[in-house]
Amino acid sequence: MNWDNHNVMVHVHIPKGLNITQPVPVHVHFHGGDFVTGSGDHWPWFGDHLHRLSIEHNAITLCPDYPLIPESNGKELLETIDKFWVFYNGTNADELLEQAYKTHGLTGTLKLAKDRLLVSGESAGGFAAVHSWYHPCQITNYHPIKVLYLQHPMLRHYIRNVKEATIKYMDNSVSKTELTNRATLLLETIQALKAKGRCRTRSSTFPPWCMLAAPTLSITHKWQEAFQGGLGVRDCLEQVEHPDNTPDIKTFPKIFISHGNKDQNCPIENTKKWVERLGTIYKDKNVNWDDLVYLTEVQETGKGTANSKTPVDHAFDYNLHQKDEPWLMEIVKGIGKAWGAK
């Protein structure tokens, strides 16, 4: 619950036929949407292979919402994610999830295997997932993340460098000057509402609602201003470039990353820099780096079929099946092996 009594939801996905005779593994997934739009129950943005993965491993999936910008800033957004993890690691989560289980007409006692935790995130959700590991909540009964799965993650402040004077979006054209004016007006209006205590929290938005704000803020380079809110909130790459505190190597999860080779929204170069920097930070920890981080640069999907696509841009994997994509099969198998390990 936020300052305006806005309840931030956690959406629960319970596979049919869930076996609760033994503790159930947990998958926590953070949705994308540039931190501007999206919702944990907007299933078109939830990869089909993630559904299959949870069913195969008899897992329950939690999809937390979080405050969205520009009404909220990055500090408020990330603090809400921290609150989710306090909730998850406490007893309330077990009780409420069992209520949700029984609400669906299911019987029996649901017990979570919190030590078998997979956290995934796509696009901006990748930022939220990384934050969940890199800044663990400081509580005594904290359960470390076992596997971290990042899909085309947004690890840098969202900036799009567009050279054209006229921008096209959803069959509409607008000049870059006009777009800048609109972005400025948007942020000024938000600040005016906040000054009057009338800017309500927004944490769940189904696309295409509010999607226009994402290119408006990113192309005009005002996304960072909206996210930081004057508080200097660091992105994931800045955090590893200037590390203050780093997680103990004992809590380092197995990390799987898939990223399109020509991602225009979240360039793969940022992901490569993040992985490289992590390797530098942990190089003296006596670990085999290749056993910890698995980065896949996806150059083609649907190879050998009429649906073949190359190069690969952003948000490309929603409808893919691992049996048709060898690179995805490797990731799914790797996640399953690491997630299932006792």
Foldseek 3Di string as FASTA:
>chain_A
DDPVPDDWDKDKDQDPPQDQPDAAEEEEEEEDQLLFAADQPQQLLPAPVVVVLCVVRSHMYIYTWFWGPLLDAQVRRLVVLQVVQVCVLDCVVLVVVQVVCCVVVDDDRHHHPLLLYEYEYEAQRLQSQVCCQFPPHPDDRGHFHAEYEYEQYAQAQWAFADPDQWDDDPNDIDGLVVLLVVLVVVNVVSVVCVVVVRRDTDTHHHPPPRSVNRCSCRHNVNSNCSHCVPPPDGGNLVCLVDPPDGDDPVRQHQYEYEHFCAARGRHCVSVVSNLVSVCVVCVPVPDDSCRRYHYHHDAWFQPPDPPIDGRDYGSDRRHDDCVRPVVVVVVSVVSSVSSPDD
